[in-house]
Amino acid sequence: PVDWKRLDWSGKAARALQADAIAHGVGTQGYSVPIRGPNGQFA
């Protein structure tokens, strides 16, 4: 699992995405679990 604070948000495109997300109600904190499954599934 990955805490969003540990990811690289320094790029211009990433910062633009982050600002857009917050403007649409996405929170400033995040925690994501990568899950892999059959036939190349990635969730």
PDB file of all heavy atoms in Angstrom:
ATOM      1  N   PRO A   1       0.820  -1.217   0.000  1.00  0.00           N
ATOM      2  CA  PRO A   1       0.000   0.000   0.000  1.00  0.00           C
ATOM      3  C   PRO A   1       0.855   1.268   0.000  1.00  0.00           C
ATOM      4  O   PRO A   1       1.980   1.286   0.509  1.00  0.00           O
ATOM      5  CB  PRO A   1      -0.812  -0.120   1.293  1.00  0.00           C
ATOM      6  CG  PRO A   1      -0.880  -1.586   1.548  1.00  0.00           C
ATOM      7  CD  PRO A   1       0.448  -2.123   1.102  1.00  0.00           C
ATOM      8  N   VAL A   2       0.286   2.320  -0.570  1.00  0.00           N
ATOM      9  CA  VAL A   2       1.031   3.563  -0.769  1.00  0.00           C
ATOM     10  C   VAL A   2       0.263   4.746  -0.188  1.00  0.00           C
ATOM     11  O   VAL A   2      -0.904   4.964  -0.516  1.00  0.00           O
ATOM     12  CB  VAL A   2       1.282   3.814  -2.266  1.00  0.00           C
ATOM     13  CG1 VAL A   2       2.010   5.140  -2.465  1.00  0.00           C
ATOM     14  CG2 VAL A   2       2.079   2.677  -2.875  1.00  0.00           C
ATOM     15  N   ASP A   3       0.938   5.503   0.690  1.00  0.00           N
ATOM     16  CA  ASP A   3       0.388   6.770   1.150  1.00  0.00           C
ATOM     17  C   ASP A   3       0.740   7.827   0.108  1.00  0.00           C
ATOM     18  O   ASP A   3       1.891   7.927  -0.326  1.00  0.00           O
ATOM     19  CB  ASP A   3       0.984   7.152   2.510  1.00  0.00           C
ATOM     20  CG  ASP A   3       0.248   8.321   3.149  1.00  0.00           C
ATOM     21  OD1 ASP A   3       0.207   9.409   2.532  1.00  0.00           O
ATOM     22  OD2 ASP A   3      -0.278   8.156   4.253  1.00  0.00           O
ATOM     23  N   TRP A   4      -0.247   8.623  -0.297  1.00  0.00           N
ATOM     24  CA  TRP A   4      -0.018   9.585  -1.374  1.00  0.00           C
ATOM     25  C   TRP A   4       1.089  10.579  -1.062  1.00  0.00           C
ATOM     26  O   TRP A   4       1.728  11.101  -1.973  1.00  0.00           O
ATOM     27  CB  TRP A   4      -1.309  10.356  -1.652  1.00  0.00           C
ATOM     28  CG  TRP A   4      -2.368   9.529  -2.310  1.00  0.00           C
ATOM     29  CD1 TRP A   4      -2.339   8.186  -2.556  1.00  0.00           C
ATOM     30  CD2 TRP A   4      -3.614   9.989  -2.806  1.00  0.00           C
ATOM     31  NE1 TRP A   4      -3.489   7.771  -3.167  1.00  0.00           N
ATOM     32  CE2 TRP A   4      -4.295   8.864  -3.324  1.00  0.00           C
ATOM     33  CE3 TRP A   4      -4.232  11.239  -2.850  1.00  0.00           C
ATOM     34  CZ2 TRP A   4      -5.575   8.966  -3.903  1.00  0.00           C
ATOM     35  CZ3 TRP A   4      -5.494  11.340  -3.413  1.00  0.00           C
ATOM     36  CH2 TRP A   4      -6.154  10.218  -3.939  1.00  0.00           C
ATOM     37  N   LYS A   5       1.340  10.857   0.197  1.00  0.00           N
ATOM     38  CA  LYS A   5       2.391  11.813   0.560  1.00  0.00           C
ATOM     39  C   LYS A   5       3.771  11.314   0.135  1.00  0.00           C
ATOM     40  O   LYS A   5       4.710  12.102   0.004  1.00  0.00           O
ATOM     41  CB  LYS A   5       2.384  12.046   2.075  1.00  0.00           C
ATOM     42  CG  LYS A   5       1.156  12.787   2.599  1.00  0.00           C
ATOM     43  CD  LYS A   5       1.133  14.236   2.146  1.00  0.00           C
ATOM     44  CE  LYS A   5      -0.029  14.988   2.781  1.00  0.00           C
ATOM     45  NZ  LYS A   5      -0.125  16.374   2.309  1.00  0.00           N
ATOM     46  N   ARG A   6       3.912  10.014  -0.066  1.00  0.00           N
ATOM     47  CA  ARG A   6       5.212   9.443  -0.438  1.00  0.00           C
ATOM     48  C   ARG A   6       5.434   9.412  -1.939  1.00  0.00           C
ATOM     49  O   ARG A   6       6.480   8.957  -2.402  1.00  0.00           O
ATOM     50  CB  ARG A   6       5.337   8.033   0.127  1.00  0.00           C
ATOM     51  CG  ARG A   6       5.204   7.999   1.637  1.00  0.00           C
ATOM     52  CD  ARG A   6       5.476   6.634   2.201  1.00  0.00           C
ATOM     53  NE  ARG A   6       5.383   6.679   3.648  1.00  0.00           N
ATOM     54  CZ  ARG A   6       6.130   5.964   4.464  1.00  0.00           C
ATOM     55  NH1 ARG A   6       7.049   5.169   3.971  1.00  0.00           N
ATOM     56  NH2 ARG A   6       5.973   6.040   5.758  1.00  0.00           N
ATOM     57  N   LEU A   7       4.449   9.856  -2.706  1.00  0.00           N
ATOM     58  CA  LEU A   7       4.564   9.847  -4.159  1.00  0.00           C
ATOM     59  C   LEU A   7       5.161  11.159  -4.671  1.00  0.00           C
ATOM     60  O   LEU A   7       5.201  12.155  -3.957  1.00  0.00           O
ATOM     61  CB  LEU A   7       3.184   9.625  -4.782  1.00  0.00           C
ATOM     62  CG  LEU A   7       2.520   8.288  -4.426  1.00  0.00           C
ATOM     63  CD1 LEU A   7       1.081   8.261  -4.931  1.00  0.00           C
ATOM     64  CD2 LEU A   7       3.316   7.122  -5.002  1.00  0.00           C
ATOM     65  N   ASP A   8       5.612  11.146  -5.899  1.00  0.00           N
ATOM     66  CA  ASP A   8       6.247  12.328  -6.496  1.00  0.00           C
ATOM     67  C   ASP A   8       5.197  13.197  -7.184  1.00  0.00           C
ATOM     68  O   ASP A   8       4.694  12.850  -8.260  1.00  0.00           O
ATOM     69  CB  ASP A   8       7.306  11.871  -7.507  1.00  0.00           C
ATOM     70  CG  ASP A   8       8.049  13.048  -8.126  1.00  0.00           C
ATOM     71  OD1 ASP A   8       7.825  14.198  -7.680  1.00  0.00           O
ATOM     72  OD2 ASP A   8       8.851  12.822  -9.054  1.00  0.00           O
ATOM     73  N   TRP A   9       4.869  14.309  -6.576  1.00  0.00           N
ATOM     74  CA  TRP A   9       3.905  15.257  -7.131  1.00  0.00           C
ATOM     75  C   TRP A   9       4.607  16.517  -7.648  1.00  0.00           C
ATOM     76  O   TRP A   9       3.965  17.554  -7.857  1.00  0.00           O
ATOM     77  CB  TRP A   9       2.878  15.659  -6.063  1.00  0.00           C
ATOM     78  CG  TRP A   9       2.053  14.518  -5.568  1.00  0.00           C
ATOM     79  CD1 TRP A   9       2.328  13.695  -4.525  1.00  0.00           C
ATOM     80  CD2 TRP A   9       0.800  14.070  -6.116  1.00  0.00           C
ATOM     81  NE1 TRP A   9       1.334  12.748  -4.376  1.00  0.00           N
ATOM     82  CE2 TRP A   9       0.390  12.959  -5.333  1.00  0.00           C
ATOM     83  CE3 TRP A   9      -0.002  14.501  -7.172  1.00  0.00           C
ATOM     84  CZ2 TRP A   9      -0.805  12.274  -5.592  1.00  0.00           C
ATOM     85  CZ3 TRP A   9      -1.180  13.817  -7.430  1.00  0.00           C
ATOM     86  CH2 TRP A   9      -1.573  12.715  -6.642  1.00  0.00           C
ATOM     87  N   SER A  10       5.895  16.431  -7.885  1.00  0.00           N
ATOM     88  CA  SER A  10       6.662  17.632  -8.230  1.00  0.00           C
ATOM     89  C   SER A  10       6.490  18.064  -9.680  1.00  0.00           C
ATOM     90  O   SER A  10       6.720  19.225 -10.014  1.00  0.00           O
ATOM     91  CB  SER A  10       8.145  17.399  -7.940  1.00  0.00           C
ATOM     92  OG  SER A  10       8.653  16.327  -8.720  1.00  0.00           O
ATOM     93  N   GLY A  11       6.111  17.151 -10.570  1.00  0.00           N
ATOM     94  CA  GLY A  11       5.979  17.493 -11.980  1.00  0.00           C
ATOM     95  C   GLY A  11       4.813  18.436 -12.244  1.00  0.00           C
ATOM     96  O   GLY A  11       3.826  18.465 -11.502  1.00  0.00           O
ATOM     97  N   LYS A  12       4.922  19.197 -13.312  1.00  0.00           N
ATOM     98  CA  LYS A  12       3.874  20.167 -13.645  1.00  0.00           C
ATOM     99  C   LYS A  12       2.535  19.485 -13.880  1.00  0.00           C
ATOM    100  O   LYS A  12       1.490  19.939 -13.394  1.00  0.00           O
ATOM    101  CB  LYS A  12       4.295  20.949 -14.892  1.00  0.00           C
ATOM    102  CG  LYS A  12       3.292  22.013 -15.307  1.00  0.00           C
ATOM    103  CD  LYS A  12       3.788  22.778 -16.528  1.00  0.00           C
ATOM    104  CE  LYS A  12       2.771  23.833 -16.957  1.00  0.00           C
ATOM    105  NZ  LYS A  12       3.241  24.578 -18.162  1.00  0.00           N
ATOM    106  N   ALA A  13       2.537  18.366 -14.623  1.00  0.00           N
ATOM    107  CA  ALA A  13       1.294  17.659 -14.921  1.00  0.00           C
ATOM    108  C   ALA A  13       0.675  17.080 -13.654  1.00  0.00           C
ATOM    109  O   ALA A  13      -0.543  17.119 -13.474  1.00  0.00           O
ATOM    110  CB  ALA A  13       1.556  16.543 -15.935  1.00  0.00           C
ATOM    111  N   ALA A  14       1.517  16.557 -12.760  1.00  0.00           N
ATOM    112  CA  ALA A  14       1.018  15.985 -11.505  1.00  0.00           C
ATOM    113  C   ALA A  14       0.417  17.062 -10.619  1.00  0.00           C
ATOM    114  O   ALA A  14      -0.630  16.853  -9.988  1.00  0.00           O
ATOM    115  CB  ALA A  14       2.146  15.258 -10.780  1.00  0.00           C
ATOM    116  N   ARG A  15       1.064  18.225 -10.562  1.00  0.00           N
ATOM    117  CA  ARG A  15       0.539  19.321  -9.745  1.00  0.00           C
ATOM    118  C   ARG A  15      -0.796  19.818 -10.295  1.00  0.00           C
ATOM    119  O   ARG A  15      -1.712  20.154  -9.531  1.00  0.00           O
ATOM    120  CB  ARG A  15       1.544  20.468  -9.673  1.00  0.00           C
ATOM    121  CG  ARG A  15       2.817  20.132  -8.892  1.00  0.00           C
ATOM    122  CD  ARG A  15       3.573  21.400  -8.508  1.00  0.00           C
ATOM    123  NE  ARG A  15       3.864  22.243  -9.649  1.00  0.00           N
ATOM    124  CZ  ARG A  15       4.938  22.126 -10.419  1.00  0.00           C
ATOM    125  NH1 ARG A  15       5.833  21.186 -10.145  1.00  0.00           N
ATOM    126  NH2 ARG A  15       5.143  22.949 -11.441  1.00  0.00           N
ATOM    127  N   ALA A  16      -0.913  19.857 -11.619  1.00  0.00           N
ATOM    128  CA  ALA A  16      -2.168  20.291 -12.242  1.00  0.00           C
ATOM    129  C   ALA A  16      -3.283  19.302 -11.938  1.00  0.00           C
ATOM    130  O   ALA A  16      -4.415  19.687 -11.625  1.00  0.00           O
ATOM    131  CB  ALA A  16      -1.978  20.435 -13.749  1.00  0.00           C
ATOM    132  N   LEU A  17      -2.958  18.007 -12.010  1.00  0.00           N
ATOM    133  CA  LEU A  17      -3.941  16.979 -11.666  1.00  0.00           C
ATOM    134  C   LEU A  17      -4.391  17.123 -10.212  1.00  0.00           C
ATOM    135  O   LEU A  17      -5.587  17.072  -9.905  1.00  0.00           O
ATOM    136  CB  LEU A  17      -3.328  15.592 -11.891  1.00  0.00           C
ATOM    137  CG  LEU A  17      -4.200  14.354 -11.687  1.00  0.00           C
ATOM    138  CD1 LEU A  17      -3.601  13.159 -12.400  1.00  0.00           C
ATOM    139  CD2 LEU A  17      -4.385  13.990 -10.214  1.00  0.00           C
ATOM    140  N   GLN A  18      -3.426  17.314  -9.313  1.00  0.00           N
ATOM    141  CA  GLN A  18      -3.735  17.429  -7.882  1.00  0.00           C
ATOM    142  C   GLN A  18      -4.648  18.616  -7.608  1.00  0.00           C
ATOM    143  O   GLN A  18      -5.635  18.501  -6.863  1.00  0.00           O
ATOM    144  CB  GLN A  18      -2.439  17.556  -7.090  1.00  0.00           C
ATOM    145  CG  GLN A  18      -2.622  17.499  -5.582  1.00  0.00           C
ATOM    146  CD  GLN A  18      -1.289  17.570  -4.863  1.00  0.00           C
ATOM    147  OE1 GLN A  18      -0.437  18.407  -5.176  1.00  0.00           O
ATOM    148  NE2 GLN A  18      -1.088  16.670  -3.915  1.00  0.00           N
ATOM    149  N   ALA A  19      -4.345  19.759  -8.210  1.00  0.00           N
ATOM    150  CA  ALA A  19      -5.161  20.950  -8.004  1.00  0.00           C
ATOM    151  C   ALA A  19      -6.568  20.743  -8.551  1.00  0.00           C
ATOM    152  O   ALA A  19      -7.566  21.144  -7.931  1.00  0.00           O
ATOM    153  CB  ALA A  19      -4.503  22.156  -8.676  1.00  0.00           C
ATOM    154  N   ASP A  20      -6.661  20.108  -9.710  1.00  0.00           N
ATOM    155  CA  ASP A  20      -7.951  19.828 -10.325  1.00  0.00           C
ATOM    156  C   ASP A  20      -8.763  18.868  -9.446  1.00  0.00           C
ATOM    157  O   ASP A  20      -9.975  19.037  -9.264  1.00  0.00           O
ATOM    158  CB  ASP A  20      -7.738  19.234 -11.714  1.00  0.00           C
ATOM    159  CG  ASP A  20      -8.941  19.425 -12.625  1.00  0.00           C
ATOM    160  OD1 ASP A  20      -9.930  20.024 -12.187  1.00  0.00           O
ATOM    161  OD2 ASP A  20      -8.882  18.960 -13.775  1.00  0.00           O
ATOM    162  N   ALA A  21      -8.091  17.856  -8.902  1.00  0.00           N
ATOM    163  CA  ALA A  21      -8.763  16.877  -8.051  1.00  0.00           C
ATOM    164  C   ALA A  21      -9.344  17.544  -6.804  1.00  0.00           C
ATOM    165  O   ALA A  21     -10.501  17.312  -6.435  1.00  0.00           O
ATOM    166  CB  ALA A  21      -7.789  15.775  -7.661  1.00  0.00           C
ATOM    167  N   ILE A  22      -8.545  18.375  -6.156  1.00  0.00           N
ATOM    168  CA  ILE A  22      -9.003  19.057  -4.939  1.00  0.00           C
ATOM    169  C   ILE A  22     -10.191  19.964  -5.256  1.00  0.00           C
ATOM    170  O   ILE A  22     -11.157  20.043  -4.494  1.00  0.00           O
ATOM    171  CB  ILE A  22      -7.847  19.849  -4.303  1.00  0.00           C
ATOM    172  CG1 ILE A  22      -6.795  18.878  -3.750  1.00  0.00           C
ATOM    173  CG2 ILE A  22      -8.356  20.760  -3.191  1.00  0.00           C
ATOM    174  CD1 ILE A  22      -5.523  19.550  -3.262  1.00  0.00           C
ATOM    175  N   ALA A  23     -10.144  20.623  -6.418  1.00  0.00           N
ATOM    176  CA  ALA A  23     -11.250  21.493  -6.834  1.00  0.00           C
ATOM    177  C   ALA A  23     -12.531  20.700  -7.061  1.00  0.00           C
ATOM    178  O   ALA A  23     -13.635  21.250  -6.953  1.00  0.00           O
ATOM    179  CB  ALA A  23     -10.870  22.244  -8.106  1.00  0.00           C
ATOM    180  N   HIS A  24     -12.396  19.395  -7.353  1.00  0.00           N
ATOM    181  CA  HIS A  24     -13.560  18.530  -7.577  1.00  0.00           C
ATOM    182  C   HIS A  24     -13.912  17.708  -6.332  1.00  0.00           C
ATOM    183  O   HIS A  24     -14.659  16.740  -6.412  1.00  0.00           O
ATOM    184  CB  HIS A  24     -13.303  17.595  -8.752  1.00  0.00           C
ATOM    185  CG  HIS A  24     -13.484  18.245 -10.096  1.00  0.00           C
ATOM    186  ND1 HIS A  24     -12.508  19.031 -10.672  1.00  0.00           N
ATOM    187  CD2 HIS A  24     -14.540  18.254 -10.951  1.00  0.00           C
ATOM    188  CE1 HIS A  24     -12.948  19.477 -11.844  1.00  0.00           C
ATOM    189  NE2 HIS A  24     -14.168  19.024 -12.033  1.00  0.00           N
ATOM    190  N   GLY A  25     -13.365  18.095  -5.170  1.00  0.00           N
ATOM    191  CA  GLY A  25     -13.765  17.456  -3.932  1.00  0.00           C
ATOM    192  C   GLY A  25     -12.933  16.280  -3.479  1.00  0.00           C
ATOM    193  O   GLY A  25     -13.284  15.623  -2.485  1.00  0.00           O
ATOM    194  N   VAL A  26     -11.838  15.986  -4.184  1.00  0.00           N
ATOM    195  CA  VAL A  26     -10.950  14.907  -3.751  1.00  0.00           C
ATOM    196  C   VAL A  26     -10.111  15.416  -2.584  1.00  0.00           C
ATOM    197  O   VAL A  26      -9.604  16.538  -2.620  1.00  0.00           O
ATOM    198  CB  VAL A  26     -10.040  14.446  -4.909  1.00  0.00           C
ATOM    199  CG1 VAL A  26      -9.065  13.368  -4.436  1.00  0.00           C
ATOM    200  CG2 VAL A  26     -10.887  13.937  -6.069  1.00  0.00           C
ATOM    201  N   GLY A  27      -9.968  14.604  -1.542  1.00  0.00           N
ATOM    202  CA  GLY A  27      -9.262  15.033  -0.348  1.00  0.00           C
ATOM    203  C   GLY A  27      -7.766  15.209  -0.547  1.00  0.00           C
ATOM    204  O   GLY A  27      -7.179  14.728  -1.522  1.00  0.00           O
ATOM    205  N   THR A  28      -7.143  15.869   0.392  1.00  0.00           N
ATOM    206  CA  THR A  28      -5.703  16.127   0.320  1.00  0.00           C
ATOM    207  C   THR A  28      -4.869  14.939   0.775  1.00  0.00           C
ATOM    208  O   THR A  28      -3.676  14.878   0.491  1.00  0.00           O
ATOM    209  CB  THR A  28      -5.350  17.344   1.190  1.00  0.00           C
ATOM    210  OG1 THR A  28      -5.793  17.098   2.542  1.00  0.00           O
ATOM    211  CG2 THR A  28      -6.022  18.601   0.669  1.00  0.00           C
ATOM    212  N   GLN A  29      -5.484  14.005   1.494  1.00  0.00           N
ATOM    213  CA  GLN A  29      -4.789  12.808   1.964  1.00  0.00           C
ATOM    214  C   GLN A  29      -5.315  11.591   1.205  1.00  0.00           C
ATOM    215  O   GLN A  29      -6.496  11.532   0.856  1.00  0.00           O
ATOM    216  CB  GLN A  29      -5.010  12.587   3.461  1.00  0.00           C
ATOM    217  CG  GLN A  29      -4.673  13.760   4.345  1.00  0.00           C
ATOM    218  CD  GLN A  29      -3.177  13.922   4.573  1.00  0.00           C
ATOM    219  OE1 GLN A  29      -2.363  13.134   4.088  1.00  0.00           O
ATOM    220  NE2 GLN A  29      -2.788  14.939   5.331  1.00  0.00           N
ATOM    221  N   GLY A  30      -4.444  10.631   0.956  1.00  0.00           N
ATOM    222  CA  GLY A  30      -4.884   9.433   0.259  1.00  0.00           C
ATOM    223  C   GLY A  30      -4.032   8.231   0.602  1.00  0.00           C
ATOM    224  O   GLY A  30      -2.861   8.360   0.984  1.00  0.00           O
ATOM    225  N   TYR A  31      -4.626   7.053   0.476  1.00  0.00           N
ATOM    226  CA  TYR A  31      -3.940   5.795   0.750  1.00  0.00           C
ATOM    227  C   TYR A  31      -4.497   4.774  -0.228  1.00  0.00           C
ATOM    228  O   TYR A  31      -5.715   4.540  -0.278  1.00  0.00           O
ATOM    229  CB  TYR A  31      -4.214   5.369   2.185  1.00  0.00           C
ATOM    230  CG  TYR A  31      -3.475   4.142   2.659  1.00  0.00           C
ATOM    231  CD1 TYR A  31      -2.147   4.214   3.081  1.00  0.00           C
ATOM    232  CD2 TYR A  31      -4.114   2.908   2.725  1.00  0.00           C
ATOM    233  CE1 TYR A  31      -1.479   3.096   3.549  1.00  0.00           C
ATOM    234  CE2 TYR A  31      -3.449   1.783   3.194  1.00  0.00           C
ATOM    235  CZ  TYR A  31      -2.138   1.876   3.600  1.00  0.00           C
ATOM    236  OH  TYR A  31      -1.480   0.755   4.071  1.00  0.00           O
ATOM    237  N   SER A  32      -3.650   4.184  -1.057  1.00  0.00           N
ATOM    238  CA  SER A  32      -4.101   3.272  -2.108  1.00  0.00           C
ATOM    239  C   SER A  32      -3.439   1.909  -1.985  1.00  0.00           C
ATOM    240  O   SER A  32      -2.235   1.808  -1.733  1.00  0.00           O
ATOM    241  CB  SER A  32      -3.802   3.854  -3.490  1.00  0.00           C
ATOM    242  OG  SER A  32      -4.528   5.049  -3.703  1.00  0.00           O
ATOM    243  N   VAL A  33      -4.243   0.871  -2.183  1.00  0.00           N
ATOM    244  CA  VAL A  33      -3.750  -0.506  -2.169  1.00  0.00           C
ATOM    245  C   VAL A  33      -3.701  -1.023  -3.602  1.00  0.00           C
ATOM    246  O   VAL A  33      -4.740  -1.123  -4.264  1.00  0.00           O
ATOM    247  CB  VAL A  33      -4.681  -1.416  -1.349  1.00  0.00           C
ATOM    248  CG1 VAL A  33      -4.175  -2.860  -1.386  1.00  0.00           C
ATOM    249  CG2 VAL A  33      -4.777  -0.931   0.080  1.00  0.00           C
ATOM    250  N   PRO A  34      -2.505  -1.341  -4.133  1.00  0.00           N
ATOM    251  CA  PRO A  34      -2.422  -1.957  -5.458  1.00  0.00           C
ATOM    252  C   PRO A  34      -2.775  -3.441  -5.357  1.00  0.00           C
ATOM    253  O   PRO A  34      -2.326  -4.138  -4.450  1.00  0.00           O
ATOM    254  CB  PRO A  34      -0.952  -1.751  -5.855  1.00  0.00           C
ATOM    255  CG  PRO A  34      -0.214  -1.635  -4.551  1.00  0.00           C
ATOM    256  CD  PRO A  34      -1.187  -1.070  -3.541  1.00  0.00           C
ATOM    257  N   ILE A  35      -3.615  -3.901  -6.264  1.00  0.00           N
ATOM    258  CA  ILE A  35      -4.052  -5.297  -6.250  1.00  0.00           C
ATOM    259  C   ILE A  35      -3.846  -5.877  -7.642  1.00  0.00           C
ATOM    260  O   ILE A  35      -4.324  -5.317  -8.636  1.00  0.00           O
ATOM    261  CB  ILE A  35      -5.533  -5.432  -5.862  1.00  0.00           C
ATOM    262  CG1 ILE A  35      -5.822  -4.654  -4.574  1.00  0.00           C
ATOM    263  CG2 ILE A  35      -5.920  -6.891  -5.693  1.00  0.00           C
ATOM    264  CD1 ILE A  35      -7.287  -4.532  -4.247  1.00  0.00           C
ATOM    265  N   ARG A  36      -3.164  -7.007  -7.719  1.00  0.00           N
ATOM    266  CA  ARG A  36      -2.930  -7.668  -8.999  1.00  0.00           C
ATOM    267  C   ARG A  36      -3.684  -8.987  -9.041  1.00  0.00           C
ATOM    268  O   ARG A  36      -3.783  -9.688  -8.044  1.00  0.00           O
ATOM    269  CB  ARG A  36      -1.433  -7.880  -9.218  1.00  0.00           C
ATOM    270  CG  ARG A  36      -0.710  -6.580  -9.529  1.00  0.00           C
ATOM    271  CD  ARG A  36       0.791  -6.695  -9.428  1.00  0.00           C
ATOM    272  NE  ARG A  36       1.438  -5.496  -9.914  1.00  0.00           N
ATOM    273  CZ  ARG A  36       1.542  -4.359  -9.215  1.00  0.00           C
ATOM    274  NH1 ARG A  36       1.054  -4.296  -7.992  1.00  0.00           N
ATOM    275  NH2 ARG A  36       2.131  -3.303  -9.725  1.00  0.00           N
ATOM    276  N   GLY A  37      -4.208  -9.294 -10.234  1.00  0.00           N
ATOM    277  CA  GLY A  37      -5.004 -10.499 -10.381  1.00  0.00           C
ATOM    278  C   GLY A  37      -4.714 -11.202 -11.692  1.00  0.00           C
ATOM    279  O   GLY A  37      -3.718 -10.921 -12.358  1.00  0.00           O
ATOM    280  N   PRO A  38      -5.610 -12.105 -12.104  1.00  0.00           N
ATOM    281  CA  PRO A  38      -5.386 -12.905 -13.310  1.00  0.00           C
ATOM    282  C   PRO A  38      -5.407 -12.076 -14.582  1.00  0.00           C
ATOM    283  O   PRO A  38      -6.017 -11.013 -14.644  1.00  0.00           O
ATOM    284  CB  PRO A  38      -6.567 -13.886 -13.283  1.00  0.00           C
ATOM    285  CG  PRO A  38      -7.623 -13.176 -12.510  1.00  0.00           C
ATOM    286  CD  PRO A  38      -6.888 -12.407 -11.457  1.00  0.00           C
ATOM    287  N   ASN A  39      -4.730 -12.587 -15.613  1.00  0.00           N
ATOM    288  CA  ASN A  39      -4.738 -11.961 -16.940  1.00  0.00           C
ATOM    289  C   ASN A  39      -4.265 -10.517 -16.930  1.00  0.00           C
ATOM    290  O   ASN A  39      -4.756  -9.677 -17.674  1.00  0.00           O
ATOM    291  CB  ASN A  39      -6.143 -12.036 -17.560  1.00  0.00           C
ATOM    292  CG  ASN A  39      -6.679 -13.444 -17.591  1.00  0.00           C
ATOM    293  OD1 ASN A  39      -5.928 -14.389 -17.791  1.00  0.00           O
ATOM    294  ND2 ASN A  39      -7.976 -13.599 -17.385  1.00  0.00           N
ATOM    295  N   GLY A  40      -3.327 -10.206 -16.037  1.00  0.00           N
ATOM    296  CA  GLY A  40      -2.768  -8.856 -16.013  1.00  0.00           C
ATOM    297  C   GLY A  40      -3.612  -7.840 -15.295  1.00  0.00           C
ATOM    298  O   GLY A  40      -3.399  -6.641 -15.455  1.00  0.00           O
ATOM    299  N   GLN A  41      -4.589  -8.289 -14.503  1.00  0.00           N
ATOM    300  CA  GLN A  41      -5.444  -7.332 -13.800  1.00  0.00           C
ATOM    301  C   GLN A  41      -4.628  -6.473 -12.844  1.00  0.00           C
ATOM    302  O   GLN A  41      -3.762  -6.959 -12.130  1.00  0.00           O
ATOM    303  CB  GLN A  41      -6.531  -8.063 -13.004  1.00  0.00           C
ATOM    304  CG  GLN A  41      -7.524  -7.099 -12.376  1.00  0.00           C
ATOM    305  CD  GLN A  41      -7.937  -7.507 -10.973  1.00  0.00           C
ATOM    306  OE1 GLN A  41      -7.290  -8.317 -10.321  1.00  0.00           O
ATOM    307  NE2 GLN A  41      -9.018  -6.921 -10.495  1.00  0.00           N
ATOM    308  N   PHE A  42      -4.907  -5.172 -12.877  1.00  0.00           N
ATOM    309  CA  PHE A  42      -4.278  -4.230 -11.950  1.00  0.00           C
ATOM    310  C   PHE A  42      -5.353  -3.288 -11.451  1.00  0.00           C
ATOM    311  O   PHE A  42      -5.973  -2.567 -12.234  1.00  0.00           O
ATOM    312  CB  PHE A  42      -3.159  -3.451 -12.642  1.00  0.00           C
ATOM    313  CG  PHE A  42      -2.593  -2.325 -11.814  1.00  0.00           C
ATOM    314  CD1 PHE A  42      -2.070  -2.566 -10.558  1.00  0.00           C
ATOM    315  CD2 PHE A  42      -2.593  -1.023 -12.289  1.00  0.00           C
ATOM    316  CE1 PHE A  42      -1.548  -1.528  -9.788  1.00  0.00           C
ATOM    317  CE2 PHE A  42      -2.065   0.022 -11.539  1.00  0.00           C
ATOM    318  CZ  PHE A  42      -1.547  -0.242 -10.280  1.00  0.00           C
ATOM    319  N   ALA A  43      -5.611  -3.327 -10.154  1.00  0.00           N
ATOM    320  CA  ALA A  43      -6.656  -2.491  -9.575  1.00  0.00           C
ATOM    321  C   ALA A  43      -6.104  -1.721  -8.384  1.00  0.00           C
ATOM    322  O   ALA A  43      -5.083  -2.096  -7.801  1.00  0.00           O
ATOM    323  CB  ALA A  43      -7.847  -3.354  -9.146  1.00  0.00           C
TER     324      ALA A  43
END
